[in-house]
N, C-alpha and C. Protein backbone atom coordinates (compact mmCIF):
# COMPACT_ATOMS: atom_id res chain seq x y z
N UNK A 1 21.65 -1.32 -14.24
CA UNK A 1 20.33 -2.21 -14.76
C UNK A 1 19.17 -1.56 -14.61
N UNK A 2 18.89 -0.61 -13.91
CA UNK A 2 17.92 0.27 -13.87
C UNK A 2 17.44 1.04 -14.91
N UNK A 3 16.28 1.48 -14.75
CA UNK A 3 15.63 1.67 -16.06
C UNK A 3 15.82 3.36 -16.16
N UNK A 4 16.21 4.14 -17.23
CA UNK A 4 16.49 5.72 -17.73
C UNK A 4 14.96 6.38 -16.34
N UNK A 5 13.79 5.63 -16.80
CA UNK A 5 13.10 6.32 -16.54
C UNK A 5 12.54 6.33 -15.01
N UNK A 6 13.25 5.24 -14.50
CA UNK A 6 12.89 5.22 -12.75
C UNK A 6 13.89 6.20 -11.99
N UNK A 7 13.21 6.13 -10.94
CA UNK A 7 14.05 7.35 -10.05
C UNK A 7 14.91 6.37 -9.23
N UNK A 8 16.19 7.07 -9.14
CA UNK A 8 17.03 6.18 -8.49
C UNK A 8 17.20 6.76 -6.74
N UNK A 9 17.25 5.88 -5.78
CA UNK A 9 17.36 6.62 -4.44
C UNK A 9 18.15 7.32 -4.03
N UNK A 10 19.56 7.56 -4.94
CA UNK A 10 20.24 8.55 -4.00
C UNK A 10 19.83 9.61 -4.98
N UNK A 11 19.14 9.86 -5.84
CA UNK A 11 18.36 11.00 -6.23
C UNK A 11 17.30 11.56 -5.68
N UNK A 12 16.42 10.47 -5.15
CA UNK A 12 15.69 11.17 -4.33
C UNK A 12 16.04 11.39 -2.85
N UNK A 13 16.99 11.19 -2.54
CA UNK A 13 17.46 11.58 -0.97
C UNK A 13 18.21 13.09 -1.38
N UNK A 14 18.26 13.59 -2.51
CA UNK A 14 19.10 15.01 -3.00
C UNK A 14 17.77 15.98 -2.79
N UNK A 15 16.60 15.50 -3.12
CA UNK A 15 15.08 16.40 -3.24
C UNK A 15 14.78 16.76 -1.45
N UNK A 16 14.21 17.87 -1.83
CA UNK A 16 13.79 18.07 -0.62
C UNK A 16 12.42 17.58 0.05
N UNK A 17 11.67 17.85 1.20
CA UNK A 17 10.51 16.90 1.29
C UNK A 17 9.38 17.31 0.36
N UNK A 18 9.54 18.71 0.33
CA UNK A 18 8.06 19.29 -0.70
C UNK A 18 8.23 18.67 -2.16
N UNK A 19 9.52 18.73 -2.44
CA UNK A 19 9.70 17.65 -4.27
C UNK A 19 9.48 16.65 -3.87
N UNK A 20 9.51 15.79 -2.93
CA UNK A 20 9.26 14.43 -2.76
C UNK A 20 7.83 14.22 -2.86
N UNK A 21 7.18 14.84 -2.16
CA UNK A 21 5.53 14.65 -1.98
C UNK A 21 5.30 15.03 -3.45
N UNK A 22 5.62 16.07 -4.18
CA UNK A 22 5.31 16.40 -5.47
C UNK A 22 5.29 15.39 -6.66
N UNK A 23 6.74 14.89 -6.47
CA UNK A 23 7.06 13.62 -7.11
C UNK A 23 6.24 12.35 -6.90
N UNK A 24 5.65 12.33 -5.67
CA UNK A 24 5.05 11.22 -5.03
C UNK A 24 3.10 11.29 -5.67
N UNK A 25 3.05 12.88 -6.07
CA UNK A 25 1.62 12.70 -6.40
C UNK A 25 1.33 12.79 -7.82
N UNK A 26 2.68 13.38 -8.38
CA UNK A 26 2.82 12.99 -10.07
C UNK A 26 2.74 11.35 -10.49
N UNK A 27 3.59 10.73 -9.67
CA UNK A 27 3.40 8.90 -9.96
C UNK A 27 2.57 8.63 -9.35
N UNK A 28 1.60 9.03 -8.42
CA UNK A 28 0.50 7.94 -8.35
C UNK A 28 -0.53 8.56 -9.40
N UNK A 29 -0.34 9.91 -9.96
CA UNK A 29 -1.36 10.20 -11.24
C UNK A 29 -1.14 9.08 -12.30
N UNK A 30 0.17 8.98 -12.32
CA UNK A 30 0.72 8.12 -13.62
C UNK A 30 0.31 6.56 -13.26
N UNK A 31 0.36 6.52 -12.22
CA UNK A 31 -0.02 5.05 -11.98
C UNK A 31 -1.63 4.87 -11.91
N UNK A 32 -2.66 5.72 -11.94
CA UNK A 32 -3.90 5.79 -11.76
C UNK A 32 -3.99 5.69 -13.50
N UNK A 33 -3.69 6.86 -13.94
CA UNK A 33 -3.64 6.46 -15.87
C UNK A 33 -3.19 5.21 -16.28
N UNK A 34 -2.20 4.63 -15.63
CA UNK A 34 -1.82 3.38 -16.26
C UNK A 34 -2.75 2.20 -16.31
N UNK A 35 -3.30 2.23 -14.62
CA UNK A 35 -4.53 1.04 -14.50
C UNK A 35 -5.56 1.40 -15.24
N UNK A 36 -5.68 2.59 -15.91
CA UNK A 36 -7.06 2.77 -16.42
C UNK A 36 -7.02 2.48 -17.76
N UNK A 37 -5.35 2.62 -18.55
CA UNK A 37 -5.74 2.07 -19.37
C UNK A 37 -5.38 0.97 -19.70
N UNK A 38 -4.77 0.13 -18.83
CA UNK A 38 -4.76 -1.42 -18.76
C UNK A 38 -6.33 -1.95 -18.71
N UNK A 39 -7.08 -1.24 -18.07
CA UNK A 39 -8.47 -1.97 -18.00
C UNK A 39 -9.25 -1.52 -19.26
N UNK A 40 -8.74 -0.64 -20.14
CA UNK A 40 -9.70 -0.38 -21.33
C UNK A 40 -8.59 -1.24 -22.38
N UNK A 41 -7.91 -1.49 -21.97
CA UNK A 41 -6.92 -2.70 -23.17
C UNK A 41 -5.94 -1.70 -24.36
N UNK A 42 -5.54 -0.31 -23.44
CA UNK A 42 -5.06 0.45 -24.33
C UNK A 42 -3.37 0.58 -23.84
N UNK A 43 -3.03 -0.03 -23.03
CA UNK A 43 -1.66 0.07 -22.38
C UNK A 43 -0.94 -0.58 -23.14
N UNK A 44 0.06 -0.19 -23.38
CA UNK A 44 1.28 -0.87 -24.80
C UNK A 44 2.55 -1.45 -23.81
N UNK A 45 2.99 -0.74 -22.63
CA UNK A 45 4.00 -0.88 -22.23
C UNK A 45 3.58 -1.50 -20.67
N UNK A 46 3.85 -2.82 -20.48
CA UNK A 46 3.32 -3.58 -19.27
C UNK A 46 4.10 -3.21 -17.98
N UNK A 47 5.34 -3.08 -18.43
CA UNK A 47 6.60 -2.81 -17.44
C UNK A 47 6.40 -1.69 -16.65
N UNK A 48 6.01 -0.71 -17.60
CA UNK A 48 5.96 0.92 -16.85
C UNK A 48 5.09 0.81 -15.59
N UNK A 49 3.97 -0.01 -15.14
CA UNK A 49 3.50 -0.21 -14.22
C UNK A 49 4.20 -0.60 -13.05
N UNK A 50 4.91 -1.83 -13.29
CA UNK A 50 5.76 -2.25 -12.00
C UNK A 50 7.09 -1.08 -11.76
N UNK A 51 7.52 0.03 -12.73
CA UNK A 51 8.82 0.66 -12.59
C UNK A 51 8.07 2.22 -11.67
N UNK A 52 6.98 2.30 -11.89
CA UNK A 52 5.98 3.41 -11.45
C UNK A 52 5.58 3.14 -9.80
N UNK A 53 5.23 1.60 -9.72
CA UNK A 53 4.97 1.09 -8.65
C UNK A 53 6.36 0.94 -7.38
N UNK A 54 7.57 0.94 -8.43
CA UNK A 54 9.04 0.73 -7.37
C UNK A 54 9.12 2.11 -7.22
N UNK A 55 9.33 2.93 -8.09
CA UNK A 55 9.19 4.25 -7.60
C UNK A 55 8.61 5.21 -6.48
N UNK A 56 7.31 4.42 -6.66
CA UNK A 56 5.93 5.20 -5.21
C UNK A 56 7.12 4.52 -4.13
N UNK A 57 7.27 3.26 -3.83
CA UNK A 57 7.80 2.37 -2.86
C UNK A 57 9.33 3.27 -2.42
N UNK A 58 10.27 3.72 -3.64
CA UNK A 58 11.20 4.25 -3.07
C UNK A 58 10.94 5.76 -2.24
N UNK A 59 10.10 6.31 -2.69
CA UNK A 59 9.60 7.69 -2.35
C UNK A 59 9.40 7.55 -0.64
N UNK A 60 8.19 6.72 -0.60
CA UNK A 60 7.99 6.27 0.46
C UNK A 60 9.04 6.12 1.35
N UNK A 61 10.08 5.20 0.79
CA UNK A 61 11.21 4.46 1.65
C UNK A 61 12.11 5.58 2.51
N UNK A 62 12.53 6.57 1.44
CA UNK A 62 13.31 8.13 1.63
C UNK A 62 12.11 8.66 2.54
N UNK A 63 11.34 9.10 2.69
CA UNK A 63 10.73 9.53 3.44
C UNK A 63 10.78 9.05 4.84
N UNK A 64 10.41 7.62 4.79
CA UNK A 64 10.61 6.52 6.29
C UNK A 64 11.90 7.22 6.58
N UNK A 65 12.83 7.04 5.85
CA UNK A 65 14.28 6.90 6.43
C UNK A 65 14.56 8.55 6.85
N UNK A 66 14.13 9.73 6.87
CA UNK A 66 14.04 10.71 7.17
C UNK A 66 12.93 11.18 8.44
N UNK A 67 12.02 10.28 8.58
CA UNK A 67 11.23 10.23 9.82
C UNK A 67 12.04 9.61 10.68
N UNK A 68 12.63 8.54 10.76
CA UNK A 68 13.68 7.59 11.31
C UNK A 68 14.93 8.36 11.93
N UNK A 69 15.45 9.38 11.14
CA UNK A 69 16.39 10.34 11.29
C UNK A 69 17.89 9.10 10.89
N UNK A 70 17.13 8.26 9.73
CA UNK A 70 18.53 7.65 9.12
C UNK A 70 19.39 8.30 8.05
N UNK A 71 18.31 9.05 7.65
CA UNK A 71 18.85 10.30 6.46
C UNK A 71 18.54 11.65 6.72
N UNK A 72 19.53 12.44 6.10
CA UNK A 72 19.06 14.29 6.41
C UNK A 72 18.56 14.73 5.15
N UNK A 73 17.64 15.46 5.29
CA UNK A 73 16.97 16.17 3.87
C UNK A 73 18.22 17.21 3.71
N UNK A 74 18.21 17.33 2.07
CA UNK A 74 19.34 18.33 1.92
C UNK A 74 19.06 19.73 2.49
N UNK A 75 18.15 20.33 2.65
CA UNK A 75 17.82 21.51 3.40
C UNK A 75 18.19 21.73 4.90
N UNK A 76 17.99 20.32 5.58
CA UNK A 76 18.67 20.37 6.86
C UNK A 76 20.26 20.20 7.12
N UNK A 77 20.51 19.44 5.95
CA UNK A 77 22.11 19.80 6.02
C UNK A 77 22.92 20.87 6.11
N UNK A 78 21.95 21.86 5.15
CA UNK A 78 22.36 23.19 4.86
C UNK A 78 22.35 23.99 6.46
N UNK A 79 21.52 23.84 6.89
CA UNK A 79 20.77 24.68 8.41
C UNK A 79 22.10 24.11 9.22
N UNK A 80 22.42 23.00 9.28
CA UNK A 80 23.14 22.37 10.38
C UNK A 80 24.41 23.06 10.30
N UNK A 81 24.98 22.94 9.18
CA UNK A 81 26.67 23.49 8.90
C UNK A 81 26.31 24.96 8.90
N UNK A 82 25.62 25.98 9.13
CA UNK A 82 25.35 27.21 8.99
C UNK A 82 25.87 27.66 10.64
């Protein structure tokens, strides 16, 4: 049911903290560009706005889970096993 361009939460949980921040920055830039296209009437895919906002929320959710200790970053797992 998920869109091919949408990020899955399980995929995001496999990323390191730095990769998550980078992905978040990319999505925020894309959202800015989409909003600009919407304002100028050049946006052809309105659904992309919603998927990008949802992906941003997923990233924030994964980051918050790690803050609360509900999930562990992949780099922390390898350190704990060693």
